[in-house]
Amino acid sequence: EIASCLVGSEMCIRDRPKVVVALGSVALHYLGNQDMRITRDRGKWFKTKHGFDCIATFHPAYLLRISNIKALNAAKWDVFHDLEAARDKALAAVPDYNLMSEEKTDLFKLFQRRK
């Protein structure tokens, strides 16, 4: 996971993103600092060491491990609102950016090809 984060970070530097979303504590520690905690700092904006605007949210694997339905629903809504905030900040930076693909992906066809 750390190696993936490092590779992703190097791509971020090259591509100069308007917004970065850190998924989970490993990414948060790498992009922010070791003192940050996902449970405390999730949903808060900070600057990465490269100067990018970044917001952290829960890692999808964490959501899969939550067994309490109320806690799971709350965490999913937290992620939803964090992603909304990232979208809004990106659109504020580049108002005419198209967030949708021109052509819809047929996931069933992709799945069939993988079999």
N, C-alpha and C. Protein backbone atom coordinates (compact mmCIF):
# COMPACT_ATOMS: atom_id res chain seq x y z
N GLU A 1 0.83 -1.20 0.00
CA GLU A 1 0.00 0.00 0.00
C GLU A 1 0.87 1.25 0.00
N ILE A 2 1.95 1.22 0.76
CA ILE A 2 2.85 2.37 0.79
C ILE A 2 3.50 2.56 -0.57
N ALA A 3 3.91 1.47 -1.22
CA ALA A 3 4.52 1.59 -2.54
C ALA A 3 3.53 2.19 -3.54
N SER A 4 2.27 1.76 -3.49
CA SER A 4 1.25 2.32 -4.37
C SER A 4 1.07 3.81 -4.11
N CYS A 5 1.10 4.18 -2.85
CA CYS A 5 0.94 5.59 -2.49
C CYS A 5 2.11 6.40 -3.04
N LEU A 6 3.32 5.84 -2.96
CA LEU A 6 4.49 6.55 -3.48
C LEU A 6 4.39 6.74 -4.99
N VAL A 7 4.00 5.69 -5.70
CA VAL A 7 3.84 5.79 -7.15
C VAL A 7 2.75 6.80 -7.48
N GLY A 8 1.63 6.74 -6.78
CA GLY A 8 0.54 7.69 -7.01
C GLY A 8 0.98 9.11 -6.73
N SER A 9 1.78 9.29 -5.70
CA SER A 9 2.25 10.62 -5.34
C SER A 9 3.15 11.18 -6.43
N GLU A 10 4.00 10.34 -6.98
CA GLU A 10 4.88 10.81 -8.06
C GLU A 10 4.07 11.22 -9.29
N MET A 11 2.99 10.50 -9.58
CA MET A 11 2.12 10.89 -10.69
C MET A 11 1.45 12.21 -10.38
N CYS A 12 1.07 12.43 -9.12
CA CYS A 12 0.44 13.70 -8.72
C CYS A 12 1.36 14.87 -8.99
N ILE A 13 2.63 14.69 -8.67
CA ILE A 13 3.59 15.77 -8.87
C ILE A 13 3.66 16.11 -10.35
N ARG A 14 3.70 15.10 -11.19
CA ARG A 14 3.82 15.31 -12.63
C ARG A 14 2.55 15.93 -13.21
N ASP A 15 1.38 15.48 -12.75
CA ASP A 15 0.12 15.90 -13.35
C ASP A 15 -0.45 17.19 -12.75
N ARG A 16 0.11 17.67 -11.63
CA ARG A 16 -0.34 18.91 -10.99
C ARG A 16 -1.86 18.94 -10.77
N PRO A 17 -2.38 18.05 -9.94
CA PRO A 17 -3.83 18.01 -9.72
C PRO A 17 -4.33 19.23 -8.95
N LYS A 18 -5.60 19.53 -9.11
CA LYS A 18 -6.22 20.62 -8.36
C LYS A 18 -6.61 20.15 -6.96
N VAL A 19 -6.94 18.86 -6.85
CA VAL A 19 -7.40 18.28 -5.58
C VAL A 19 -6.85 16.85 -5.48
N VAL A 20 -6.48 16.46 -4.27
CA VAL A 20 -6.06 15.09 -3.99
C VAL A 20 -6.95 14.55 -2.88
N VAL A 21 -7.42 13.32 -3.02
CA VAL A 21 -8.19 12.65 -1.97
C VAL A 21 -7.31 11.53 -1.41
N ALA A 22 -6.99 11.64 -0.13
CA ALA A 22 -6.21 10.61 0.56
C ALA A 22 -7.17 9.56 1.10
N LEU A 23 -7.04 8.32 0.63
CA LEU A 23 -7.91 7.24 1.09
C LEU A 23 -7.24 6.48 2.22
N GLY A 24 -7.64 6.78 3.44
CA GLY A 24 -7.14 6.05 4.59
C GLY A 24 -5.93 6.68 5.25
N SER A 25 -5.52 6.05 6.36
CA SER A 25 -4.47 6.63 7.20
C SER A 25 -3.09 6.54 6.56
N VAL A 26 -2.80 5.50 5.79
CA VAL A 26 -1.48 5.40 5.15
C VAL A 26 -1.27 6.57 4.20
N ALA A 27 -2.26 6.83 3.36
CA ALA A 27 -2.17 7.95 2.43
C ALA A 27 -2.15 9.28 3.18
N LEU A 28 -2.94 9.38 4.24
CA LEU A 28 -2.97 10.61 5.04
C LEU A 28 -1.60 10.90 5.64
N HIS A 29 -0.96 9.87 6.19
CA HIS A 29 0.36 10.07 6.79
C HIS A 29 1.39 10.44 5.73
N TYR A 30 1.32 9.84 4.57
CA TYR A 30 2.28 10.14 3.51
C TYR A 30 2.07 11.55 2.96
N LEU A 31 0.82 11.89 2.69
CA LEU A 31 0.54 13.19 2.07
C LEU A 31 0.51 14.33 3.08
N GLY A 32 0.15 14.01 4.33
CA GLY A 32 0.11 15.02 5.38
C GLY A 32 1.32 14.87 6.27
N ASN A 33 1.08 14.39 7.50
CA ASN A 33 2.19 14.10 8.41
C ASN A 33 1.79 13.00 9.38
N GLN A 34 2.77 12.48 10.08
CA GLN A 34 2.56 11.33 10.96
C GLN A 34 1.65 11.63 12.15
N ASP A 35 1.48 12.90 12.49
CA ASP A 35 0.62 13.27 13.62
C ASP A 35 -0.86 13.27 13.27
N MET A 36 -1.17 13.22 12.00
CA MET A 36 -2.58 13.27 11.57
C MET A 36 -3.23 11.91 11.81
N ARG A 37 -4.52 11.92 12.15
CA ARG A 37 -5.30 10.71 12.39
C ARG A 37 -6.55 10.76 11.51
N ILE A 38 -6.83 9.65 10.85
CA ILE A 38 -7.96 9.61 9.92
C ILE A 38 -9.28 9.89 10.64
N THR A 39 -9.43 9.39 11.87
CA THR A 39 -10.68 9.60 12.60
C THR A 39 -10.84 11.05 13.04
N ARG A 40 -9.74 11.74 13.27
CA ARG A 40 -9.80 13.13 13.71
C ARG A 40 -9.74 14.11 12.53
N ASP A 41 -8.94 13.80 11.51
CA ASP A 41 -8.66 14.76 10.44
C ASP A 41 -9.41 14.49 9.14
N ARG A 42 -10.22 13.44 9.12
CA ARG A 42 -11.03 13.14 7.95
C ARG A 42 -11.94 14.33 7.66
N GLY A 43 -12.03 14.69 6.38
CA GLY A 43 -12.94 15.77 5.99
C GLY A 43 -12.36 17.17 6.13
N LYS A 44 -11.12 17.28 6.60
CA LYS A 44 -10.48 18.58 6.75
C LYS A 44 -9.46 18.78 5.62
N TRP A 45 -9.44 19.96 5.07
CA TRP A 45 -8.51 20.28 3.99
C TRP A 45 -7.13 20.59 4.57
N PHE A 46 -6.09 20.15 3.87
CA PHE A 46 -4.72 20.50 4.23
C PHE A 46 -3.91 20.55 2.93
N LYS A 47 -2.73 21.12 3.02
CA LYS A 47 -1.81 21.18 1.87
C LYS A 47 -0.82 20.02 1.99
N THR A 48 -0.57 19.32 0.89
CA THR A 48 0.44 18.28 0.88
C THR A 48 1.82 18.93 0.88
N LYS A 49 2.85 18.11 1.04
CA LYS A 49 4.20 18.67 1.03
C LYS A 49 4.57 19.25 -0.34
N HIS A 50 3.79 18.91 -1.36
CA HIS A 50 4.01 19.44 -2.70
C HIS A 50 3.09 20.62 -3.01
N GLY A 51 2.29 21.02 -2.02
CA GLY A 51 1.44 22.20 -2.18
C GLY A 51 0.06 21.96 -2.77
N PHE A 52 -0.36 20.70 -2.86
CA PHE A 52 -1.68 20.38 -3.40
C PHE A 52 -2.73 20.44 -2.30
N ASP A 53 -3.93 20.87 -2.63
CA ASP A 53 -5.06 20.79 -1.70
C ASP A 53 -5.45 19.33 -1.55
N CYS A 54 -5.59 18.87 -0.32
CA CYS A 54 -5.88 17.46 -0.07
C CYS A 54 -6.94 17.33 1.02
N ILE A 55 -7.82 16.37 0.85
CA ILE A 55 -8.81 16.01 1.86
C ILE A 55 -8.69 14.50 2.07
N ALA A 56 -8.78 14.09 3.31
CA ALA A 56 -8.67 12.66 3.63
C ALA A 56 -10.05 12.10 3.94
N THR A 57 -10.23 10.85 3.58
CA THR A 57 -11.46 10.15 3.92
C THR A 57 -11.12 8.70 4.23
N PHE A 58 -12.11 7.95 4.67
CA PHE A 58 -11.88 6.56 5.04
C PHE A 58 -11.54 5.72 3.81
N HIS A 59 -10.68 4.73 4.03
CA HIS A 59 -10.31 3.78 2.98
C HIS A 59 -11.50 2.82 2.76
N PRO A 60 -11.77 2.42 1.52
CA PRO A 60 -12.88 1.48 1.28
C PRO A 60 -12.77 0.19 2.09
N ALA A 61 -11.57 -0.31 2.33
CA ALA A 61 -11.41 -1.53 3.11
C ALA A 61 -11.90 -1.34 4.55
N TYR A 62 -11.72 -0.14 5.07
CA TYR A 62 -12.23 0.15 6.42
C TYR A 62 -13.75 0.03 6.44
N LEU A 63 -14.40 0.55 5.42
CA LEU A 63 -15.87 0.47 5.36
C LEU A 63 -16.34 -0.98 5.33
N LEU A 64 -15.59 -1.83 4.65
CA LEU A 64 -15.97 -3.24 4.56
C LEU A 64 -15.85 -3.97 5.91
N ARG A 65 -15.02 -3.44 6.79
CA ARG A 65 -14.81 -4.09 8.09
C ARG A 65 -15.79 -3.63 9.17
N ILE A 66 -16.56 -2.60 8.91
CA ILE A 66 -17.48 -2.09 9.93
C ILE A 66 -18.70 -3.01 10.00
N SER A 67 -18.95 -3.58 11.17
CA SER A 67 -20.07 -4.52 11.31
C SER A 67 -21.33 -3.86 11.87
N ASN A 68 -21.19 -2.77 12.60
CA ASN A 68 -22.34 -2.07 13.16
C ASN A 68 -23.00 -1.24 12.06
N ILE A 69 -24.26 -1.49 11.78
CA ILE A 69 -24.95 -0.86 10.65
C ILE A 69 -25.04 0.66 10.80
N LYS A 70 -25.26 1.14 12.03
CA LYS A 70 -25.33 2.59 12.24
C LYS A 70 -23.98 3.24 11.99
N ALA A 71 -22.93 2.62 12.48
CA ALA A 71 -21.57 3.14 12.26
C ALA A 71 -21.20 3.08 10.78
N LEU A 72 -21.61 2.00 10.12
CA LEU A 72 -21.33 1.86 8.69
C LEU A 72 -22.03 2.96 7.89
N ASN A 73 -23.30 3.18 8.16
CA ASN A 73 -24.03 4.23 7.45
C ASN A 73 -23.43 5.60 7.69
N ALA A 74 -23.03 5.88 8.93
CA ALA A 74 -22.41 7.17 9.25
C ALA A 74 -21.10 7.33 8.49
N ALA A 75 -20.28 6.28 8.46
CA ALA A 75 -18.99 6.34 7.76
C ALA A 75 -19.18 6.52 6.26
N LYS A 76 -20.17 5.82 5.68
CA LYS A 76 -20.44 5.97 4.25
C LYS A 76 -20.86 7.40 3.92
N TRP A 77 -21.69 8.00 4.78
CA TRP A 77 -22.10 9.39 4.55
C TRP A 77 -20.90 10.33 4.70
N ASP A 78 -20.02 10.03 5.64
CA ASP A 78 -18.81 10.84 5.78
C ASP A 78 -18.00 10.82 4.48
N VAL A 79 -17.80 9.63 3.92
CA VAL A 79 -17.06 9.50 2.67
C VAL A 79 -17.78 10.25 1.55
N PHE A 80 -19.08 10.10 1.47
CA PHE A 80 -19.87 10.79 0.44
C PHE A 80 -19.65 12.30 0.53
N HIS A 81 -19.73 12.86 1.72
CA HIS A 81 -19.57 14.31 1.89
C HIS A 81 -18.13 14.75 1.62
N ASP A 82 -17.16 13.91 1.96
CA ASP A 82 -15.77 14.24 1.65
C ASP A 82 -15.55 14.28 0.14
N LEU A 83 -16.12 13.32 -0.57
CA LEU A 83 -15.98 13.29 -2.03
C LEU A 83 -16.73 14.45 -2.68
N GLU A 84 -17.87 14.82 -2.11
CA GLU A 84 -18.59 16.01 -2.60
C GLU A 84 -17.72 17.26 -2.44
N ALA A 85 -17.07 17.38 -1.29
CA ALA A 85 -16.20 18.53 -1.04
C ALA A 85 -15.05 18.57 -2.04
N ALA A 86 -14.48 17.40 -2.34
CA ALA A 86 -13.39 17.33 -3.32
C ALA A 86 -13.89 17.73 -4.70
N ARG A 87 -15.05 17.23 -5.08
CA ARG A 87 -15.63 17.61 -6.37
C ARG A 87 -15.87 19.11 -6.44
N ASP A 88 -16.45 19.67 -5.40
CA ASP A 88 -16.75 21.11 -5.39
C ASP A 88 -15.49 21.96 -5.50
N LYS A 89 -14.44 21.56 -4.77
CA LYS A 89 -13.18 22.32 -4.83
C LYS A 89 -12.54 22.19 -6.22
N ALA A 90 -12.61 21.02 -6.81
CA ALA A 90 -12.05 20.83 -8.16
C ALA A 90 -12.81 21.67 -9.18
N LEU A 91 -14.14 21.68 -9.07
CA LEU A 91 -14.94 22.48 -10.00
C LEU A 91 -14.75 23.98 -9.79
N ALA A 92 -14.47 24.39 -8.57
CA ALA A 92 -14.18 25.80 -8.32
C ALA A 92 -12.87 26.20 -8.99
N ALA A 93 -11.91 25.27 -9.01
CA ALA A 93 -10.61 25.54 -9.63
C ALA A 93 -10.69 25.49 -11.15
N VAL A 94 -11.51 24.57 -11.68
CA VAL A 94 -11.66 24.41 -13.14
C VAL A 94 -13.15 24.27 -13.44
N PRO A 95 -13.88 25.39 -13.51
CA PRO A 95 -15.35 25.35 -13.62
C PRO A 95 -15.90 24.60 -14.83
N ASP A 96 -15.18 24.59 -15.93
CA ASP A 96 -15.71 23.94 -17.14
C ASP A 96 -15.25 22.49 -17.28
N TYR A 97 -14.61 21.93 -16.26
CA TYR A 97 -14.14 20.56 -16.33
C TYR A 97 -15.31 19.59 -16.37
N ASN A 98 -15.26 18.63 -17.29
CA ASN A 98 -16.32 17.64 -17.43
C ASN A 98 -15.99 16.43 -16.55
N LEU A 99 -16.78 16.21 -15.52
CA LEU A 99 -16.53 15.11 -14.60
C LEU A 99 -17.08 13.77 -15.10
N MET A 100 -17.81 13.80 -16.19
CA MET A 100 -18.42 12.57 -16.71
C MET A 100 -17.77 12.20 -18.04
N SER A 101 -17.61 10.91 -18.26
CA SER A 101 -17.12 10.44 -19.54
C SER A 101 -18.17 10.68 -20.61
N GLU A 102 -17.71 10.90 -21.82
CA GLU A 102 -18.65 11.10 -22.92
C GLU A 102 -19.45 9.83 -23.18
N GLU A 103 -18.76 8.71 -23.07
CA GLU A 103 -19.40 7.43 -23.34
C GLU A 103 -19.54 6.65 -22.05
N LYS A 104 -20.72 6.12 -21.79
CA LYS A 104 -20.94 5.35 -20.57
C LYS A 104 -20.26 3.98 -20.72
N THR A 105 -19.63 3.54 -19.64
CA THR A 105 -18.95 2.26 -19.63
C THR A 105 -19.97 1.15 -19.36
N ASP A 106 -19.95 0.13 -20.19
CA ASP A 106 -20.81 -1.03 -19.97
C ASP A 106 -20.06 -2.02 -19.08
N LEU A 107 -20.34 -1.97 -17.78
CA LEU A 107 -19.62 -2.81 -16.83
C LEU A 107 -19.86 -4.30 -17.05
N PHE A 108 -21.04 -4.64 -17.55
CA PHE A 108 -21.33 -6.06 -17.80
C PHE A 108 -20.44 -6.61 -18.91
N LYS A 109 -20.21 -5.83 -19.96
CA LYS A 109 -19.31 -6.26 -21.04
C LYS A 109 -17.88 -6.41 -20.52
N LEU A 110 -17.44 -5.47 -19.71
CA LEU A 110 -16.10 -5.56 -19.15
C LEU A 110 -15.95 -6.80 -18.28
N PHE A 111 -16.97 -7.10 -17.50
CA PHE A 111 -16.93 -8.29 -16.64
C PHE A 111 -16.88 -9.57 -17.48
N GLN A 112 -17.65 -9.62 -18.54
CA GLN A 112 -17.69 -10.79 -19.40
C GLN A 112 -16.32 -11.05 -20.03
N ARG A 113 -15.61 -9.98 -20.42
CA ARG A 113 -14.30 -10.12 -21.02
C ARG A 113 -13.27 -10.66 -20.03
N ARG A 114 -13.46 -10.40 -18.76
CA ARG A 114 -12.52 -10.82 -17.75
C ARG A 114 -12.65 -12.31 -17.42
N LYS A 115 -13.77 -12.91 -17.72
CA LYS A 115 -13.98 -14.33 -17.37
C LYS A 115 -13.06 -15.24 -18.15
